[in-house]
Amino acid sequence: MKTSVPNRENELKGSPPSEVLNYKLSPDELAQIVGKPIPASHKEPIKFRSKAKGKE
């Protein structure tokens, strides 16, 4: 499979990237999340295999 080459015209026509929002959870919000099971909709990140064997 080959990597596609981006088309600059398509890049310019697209919408600009959205703003990144940074925030901190309060201790109460953290307590609600910690220890809960992972939802079924969560998917594991893709793991890539290294081409070089024996090297780490």
C-alpha atoms as a PDB file:
ATOM      1  CA  MET A   1       0.000   0.000   0.000  1.00  0.00           C
ATOM      2  CA  LYS A   2       1.388   3.396  -0.953  1.00  0.00           C
ATOM      3  CA  THR A   3       1.065   6.724   0.821  1.00  0.00           C
ATOM      4  CA  SER A   4      -1.030   9.299  -0.996  1.00  0.00           C
ATOM      5  CA  VAL A   5       0.424  12.701  -1.791  1.00  0.00           C
ATOM      6  CA  PRO A   6      -1.671  15.572  -0.384  1.00  0.00           C
ATOM      7  CA  ASN A   7      -3.167  17.977  -2.889  1.00  0.00           C
ATOM      8  CA  ARG A   8      -2.408  21.579  -1.851  1.00  0.00           C
ATOM      9  CA  GLU A   9      -5.642  22.866  -3.431  1.00  0.00           C
ATOM     10  CA  ASN A  10      -7.694  20.554  -1.215  1.00  0.00           C
ATOM     11  CA  GLU A  11      -5.732  21.672   1.836  1.00  0.00           C
ATOM     12  CA  LEU A  12      -6.462  25.340   1.093  1.00  0.00           C
ATOM     13  CA  LYS A  13     -10.191  24.704   0.502  1.00  0.00           C
ATOM     14  CA  GLY A  14     -10.651  22.898   3.811  1.00  0.00           C
ATOM     15  CA  SER A  15     -11.667  24.522   7.069  1.00  0.00           C
ATOM     16  CA  PRO A  16      -8.940  25.750   9.442  1.00  0.00           C
ATOM     17  CA  PRO A  17      -8.085  23.591  12.438  1.00  0.00           C
ATOM     18  CA  SER A  18     -10.291  24.110  15.477  1.00  0.00           C
ATOM     19  CA  GLU A  19      -9.057  25.625  18.721  1.00  0.00           C
ATOM     20  CA  VAL A  20      -7.577  23.283  21.321  1.00  0.00           C
ATOM     21  CA  LEU A  21      -9.296  23.458  24.693  1.00  0.00           C
ATOM     22  CA  ASN A  22      -7.224  22.748  27.794  1.00  0.00           C
ATOM     23  CA  TYR A  23      -8.893  22.123  31.127  1.00  0.00           C
ATOM     24  CA  LYS A  24      -8.335  20.375  34.434  1.00  0.00           C
ATOM     25  CA  LEU A  25     -10.796  18.082  36.122  1.00  0.00           C
ATOM     26  CA  SER A  26     -11.803  18.868  39.663  1.00  0.00           C
ATOM     27  CA  PRO A  27     -11.150  16.216  42.340  1.00  0.00           C
ATOM     28  CA  ASP A  28     -14.878  15.359  42.289  1.00  0.00           C
ATOM     29  CA  GLU A  29     -14.855  14.854  38.497  1.00  0.00           C
ATOM     30  CA  LEU A  30     -11.738  12.671  38.752  1.00  0.00           C
ATOM     31  CA  ALA A  31     -13.366  10.557  41.461  1.00  0.00           C
ATOM     32  CA  GLN A  32     -16.292   9.856  39.112  1.00  0.00           C
ATOM     33  CA  ILE A  33     -13.959   8.584  36.361  1.00  0.00           C
ATOM     34  CA  VAL A  34     -11.260   6.657  38.266  1.00  0.00           C
ATOM     35  CA  GLY A  35     -12.034   2.973  38.775  1.00  0.00           C
ATOM     36  CA  LYS A  36     -14.861   2.810  36.220  1.00  0.00           C
ATOM     37  CA  PRO A  37     -14.752   0.106  33.547  1.00  0.00           C
ATOM     38  CA  ILE A  38     -13.693   1.109  30.049  1.00  0.00           C
ATOM     39  CA  PRO A  39     -16.777   1.556  27.836  1.00  0.00           C
ATOM     40  CA  ALA A  40     -17.387  -1.005  25.070  1.00  0.00           C
ATOM     41  CA  SER A  41     -17.185   1.779  22.468  1.00  0.00           C
ATOM     42  CA  HIS A  42     -13.499   2.359  23.325  1.00  0.00           C
ATOM     43  CA  LYS A  43     -11.105   1.024  20.706  1.00  0.00           C
ATOM     44  CA  GLU A  44      -7.468   0.193  21.293  1.00  0.00           C
ATOM     45  CA  PRO A  45      -4.928   2.269  19.371  1.00  0.00           C
ATOM     46  CA  ILE A  46      -3.419   0.642  16.318  1.00  0.00           C
ATOM     47  CA  LYS A  47      -0.127  -1.080  17.091  1.00  0.00           C
ATOM     48  CA  PHE A  48       2.535  -1.008  14.406  1.00  0.00           C
ATOM     49  CA  ARG A  49       4.952  -3.861  13.976  1.00  0.00           C
ATOM     50  CA  SER A  50       8.588  -2.979  13.654  1.00  0.00           C
ATOM     51  CA  LYS A  51      10.300  -4.103  10.466  1.00  0.00           C
ATOM     52  CA  ALA A  52      13.633  -4.568  12.226  1.00  0.00           C
ATOM     53  CA  LYS A  53      13.725  -7.835  14.157  1.00  0.00           C
ATOM     54  CA  GLY A  54      15.927  -8.189  17.196  1.00  0.00           C
ATOM     55  CA  LYS A  55      16.600  -4.465  17.511  1.00  0.00           C
ATOM     56  CA  GLU A  56      15.031  -2.453  20.303  1.00  0.00           C
END
